[in-house]
């Protein structure tokens, strides 16, 4: 029981980012540099107001949005095209990278 409470505390204090524990932030940065920074800016801070800042965003939120773009649940032609190129590991890594930024 104590282990379960401790694990729950880690998730709550970590901002609900348990999936990021196994993600590779460096790989996320590499993928972001390849696919994301032209719109979302270097370090996840977009220069164009049309595109959202991703720096500091919640990991689980980012993962859900990318998976929703990939599946077509969330509609945006550009994002759907990029998201379809991503594996689950890519999504976890990107989410961990952007959530690590401030």
C-alpha atoms as a PDB file:
ATOM      1  CA  UNK A   1       0.000   0.000   0.000  1.00  0.00           C
ATOM      2  CA  UNK A   2       2.835   2.390   0.835  1.00  0.00           C
ATOM      3  CA  UNK A   3       4.398   1.791  -2.589  1.00  0.00           C
ATOM      4  CA  UNK A   4       1.111   2.622  -4.310  1.00  0.00           C
ATOM      5  CA  UNK A   5       0.778   5.857  -2.351  1.00  0.00           C
ATOM      6  CA  UNK A   6       4.382   6.752  -3.139  1.00  0.00           C
ATOM      7  CA  UNK A   7       3.845   6.071  -6.853  1.00  0.00           C
ATOM      8  CA  UNK A   8       0.686   8.182  -6.855  1.00  0.00           C
ATOM      9  CA  UNK A   9       2.590  10.985  -5.143  1.00  0.00           C
ATOM     10  CA  UNK A  10       5.278  10.852  -7.815  1.00  0.00           C
ATOM     11  CA  UNK A  11       2.654  11.157 -10.558  1.00  0.00           C
ATOM     12  CA  UNK A  12       0.830  14.015  -8.835  1.00  0.00           C
ATOM     13  CA  UNK A  13       3.973  15.963  -7.952  1.00  0.00           C
ATOM     14  CA  UNK A  14       5.421  15.285 -11.387  1.00  0.00           C
ATOM     15  CA  UNK A  15       2.466  16.972 -13.033  1.00  0.00           C
ATOM     16  CA  UNK A  16       0.992  13.686 -14.211  1.00  0.00           C
ATOM     17  CA  UNK A  17       3.960  12.978 -16.422  1.00  0.00           C
ATOM     18  CA  UNK A  18       4.599   9.330 -15.582  1.00  0.00           C
ATOM     19  CA  UNK A  19       4.848   8.286 -19.259  1.00  0.00           C
ATOM     20  CA  UNK A  20       7.801  10.660 -19.664  1.00  0.00           C
ATOM     21  CA  UNK A  21       9.869   8.611 -17.218  1.00  0.00           C
ATOM     22  CA  UNK A  22      10.719   6.143 -19.973  1.00  0.00           C
ATOM     23  CA  UNK A  23      10.934   8.709 -22.767  1.00  0.00           C
ATOM     24  CA  UNK A  24      14.172   9.926 -24.343  1.00  0.00           C
ATOM     25  CA  UNK A  25      14.314  13.722 -24.135  1.00  0.00           C
ATOM     26  CA  UNK A  26      17.397  13.928 -26.389  1.00  0.00           C
ATOM     27  CA  UNK A  27      15.633  11.891 -29.083  1.00  0.00           C
ATOM     28  CA  UNK A  28      12.631  14.189 -28.669  1.00  0.00           C
ATOM     29  CA  UNK A  29      14.820  17.238 -29.282  1.00  0.00           C
ATOM     30  CA  UNK A  30      16.279  15.636 -32.406  1.00  0.00           C
ATOM     31  CA  UNK A  31      12.800  14.876 -33.762  1.00  0.00           C
ATOM     32  CA  UNK A  32      11.576  18.376 -32.826  1.00  0.00           C
ATOM     33  CA  UNK A  33      14.495  19.923 -34.704  1.00  0.00           C
ATOM     34  CA  UNK A  34      13.577  17.836 -37.762  1.00  0.00           C
ATOM     35  CA  UNK A  35       9.803  18.266 -37.788  1.00  0.00           C
ATOM     36  CA  UNK A  36       8.495  20.861 -35.372  1.00  0.00           C
ATOM     37  CA  UNK A  37      10.712  23.890 -34.913  1.00  0.00           C
ATOM     38  CA  UNK A  38       9.864  25.581 -38.212  1.00  0.00           C
ATOM     39  CA  UNK A  39       6.343  26.254 -36.891  1.00  0.00           C
ATOM     40  CA  UNK A  40       6.603  25.851 -33.112  1.00  0.00           C
ATOM     41  CA  UNK A  41       9.960  27.609 -32.880  1.00  0.00           C
ATOM     42  CA  UNK A  42      13.285  26.676 -31.400  1.00  0.00           C
ATOM     43  CA  UNK A  43      12.889  25.617 -27.784  1.00  0.00           C
ATOM     44  CA  UNK A  44       9.122  25.276 -28.340  1.00  0.00           C
ATOM     45  CA  UNK A  45       8.391  29.005 -28.423  1.00  0.00           C
ATOM     46  CA  UNK A  46       6.643  29.894 -31.669  1.00  0.00           C
ATOM     47  CA  UNK A  47       7.382  33.285 -33.224  1.00  0.00           C
ATOM     48  CA  UNK A  48       4.091  33.281 -35.139  1.00  0.00           C
ATOM     49  CA  UNK A  49       0.941  33.689 -32.987  1.00  0.00           C
ATOM     50  CA  UNK A  50      -0.946  31.189 -35.155  1.00  0.00           C
ATOM     51  CA  UNK A  51       1.194  28.348 -33.771  1.00  0.00           C
ATOM     52  CA  UNK A  52       1.058  27.408 -30.084  1.00  0.00           C
ATOM     53  CA  UNK A  53       4.029  27.413 -27.753  1.00  0.00           C
ATOM     54  CA  UNK A  54       4.855  23.848 -26.718  1.00  0.00           C
ATOM     55  CA  UNK A  55       7.551  24.595 -24.133  1.00  0.00           C
ATOM     56  CA  UNK A  56       6.486  23.580 -20.642  1.00  0.00           C
ATOM     57  CA  UNK A  57       3.242  21.970 -21.806  1.00  0.00           C
ATOM     58  CA  UNK A  58       1.976  18.933 -19.886  1.00  0.00           C
ATOM     59  CA  UNK A  59       3.405  15.663 -21.196  1.00  0.00           C
ATOM     60  CA  UNK A  60       0.141  13.740 -21.158  1.00  0.00           C
ATOM     61  CA  UNK A  61      -1.665  16.590 -22.917  1.00  0.00           C
ATOM     62  CA  UNK A  62       0.947  16.703 -25.696  1.00  0.00           C
ATOM     63  CA  UNK A  63       0.834  12.933 -26.147  1.00  0.00           C
ATOM     64  CA  UNK A  64      -2.952  12.947 -26.416  1.00  0.00           C
ATOM     65  CA  UNK A  65      -2.997  15.795 -28.932  1.00  0.00           C
ATOM     66  CA  UNK A  66      -0.375  14.163 -31.158  1.00  0.00           C
ATOM     67  CA  UNK A  67      -2.172  10.815 -31.039  1.00  0.00           C
ATOM     68  CA  UNK A  68      -5.478  12.545 -31.817  1.00  0.00           C
ATOM     69  CA  UNK A  69      -3.902  14.308 -34.821  1.00  0.00           C
ATOM     70  CA  UNK A  70      -2.413  11.008 -35.979  1.00  0.00           C
ATOM     71  CA  UNK A  71      -5.730   9.150 -35.720  1.00  0.00           C
ATOM     72  CA  UNK A  72      -7.721  11.987 -37.299  1.00  0.00           C
ATOM     73  CA  UNK A  73      -9.757  12.600 -34.138  1.00  0.00           C
ATOM     74  CA  UNK A  74      -8.353  16.120 -34.053  1.00  0.00           C
ATOM     75  CA  UNK A  75      -8.421  17.870 -37.413  1.00  0.00           C
ATOM     76  CA  UNK A  76      -5.639  19.963 -38.883  1.00  0.00           C
ATOM     77  CA  UNK A  77      -4.206  18.953 -42.255  1.00  0.00           C
ATOM     78  CA  UNK A  78      -0.635  20.030 -41.494  1.00  0.00           C
ATOM     79  CA  UNK A  79      -0.508  18.472 -38.034  1.00  0.00           C
ATOM     80  CA  UNK A  80      -2.197  15.292 -39.227  1.00  0.00           C
ATOM     81  CA  UNK A  81       0.474  14.892 -41.892  1.00  0.00           C
ATOM     82  CA  UNK A  82       3.309  15.328 -39.420  1.00  0.00           C
ATOM     83  CA  UNK A  83       1.689  13.199 -36.712  1.00  0.00           C
ATOM     84  CA  UNK A  84       1.170  10.293 -39.110  1.00  0.00           C
ATOM     85  CA  UNK A  85       4.964  10.091 -39.458  1.00  0.00           C
ATOM     86  CA  UNK A  86       5.397   9.621 -35.700  1.00  0.00           C
ATOM     87  CA  UNK A  87       5.677   6.350 -33.813  1.00  0.00           C
ATOM     88  CA  UNK A  88       4.412   6.006 -30.248  1.00  0.00           C
ATOM     89  CA  UNK A  89       8.030   6.338 -29.079  1.00  0.00           C
ATOM     90  CA  UNK A  90       8.449   9.532 -31.133  1.00  0.00           C
ATOM     91  CA  UNK A  91       5.328  10.966 -29.517  1.00  0.00           C
ATOM     92  CA  UNK A  92       6.533  10.075 -26.018  1.00  0.00           C
ATOM     93  CA  UNK A  93       9.971  11.540 -26.729  1.00  0.00           C
ATOM     94  CA  UNK A  94       8.618  14.766 -28.241  1.00  0.00           C
ATOM     95  CA  UNK A  95       6.187  15.198 -25.363  1.00  0.00           C
ATOM     96  CA  UNK A  96       8.945  14.643 -22.803  1.00  0.00           C
ATOM     97  CA  UNK A  97      11.224  17.095 -24.598  1.00  0.00           C
ATOM     98  CA  UNK A  98       8.678  19.903 -24.842  1.00  0.00           C
ATOM     99  CA  UNK A  99       7.446  19.422 -21.282  1.00  0.00           C
ATOM    100  CA  UNK A 100      11.056  19.667 -20.044  1.00  0.00           C
ATOM    101  CA  UNK A 101      11.417  23.179 -21.486  1.00  0.00           C
ATOM    102  CA  UNK A 102      10.477  26.356 -19.672  1.00  0.00           C
END
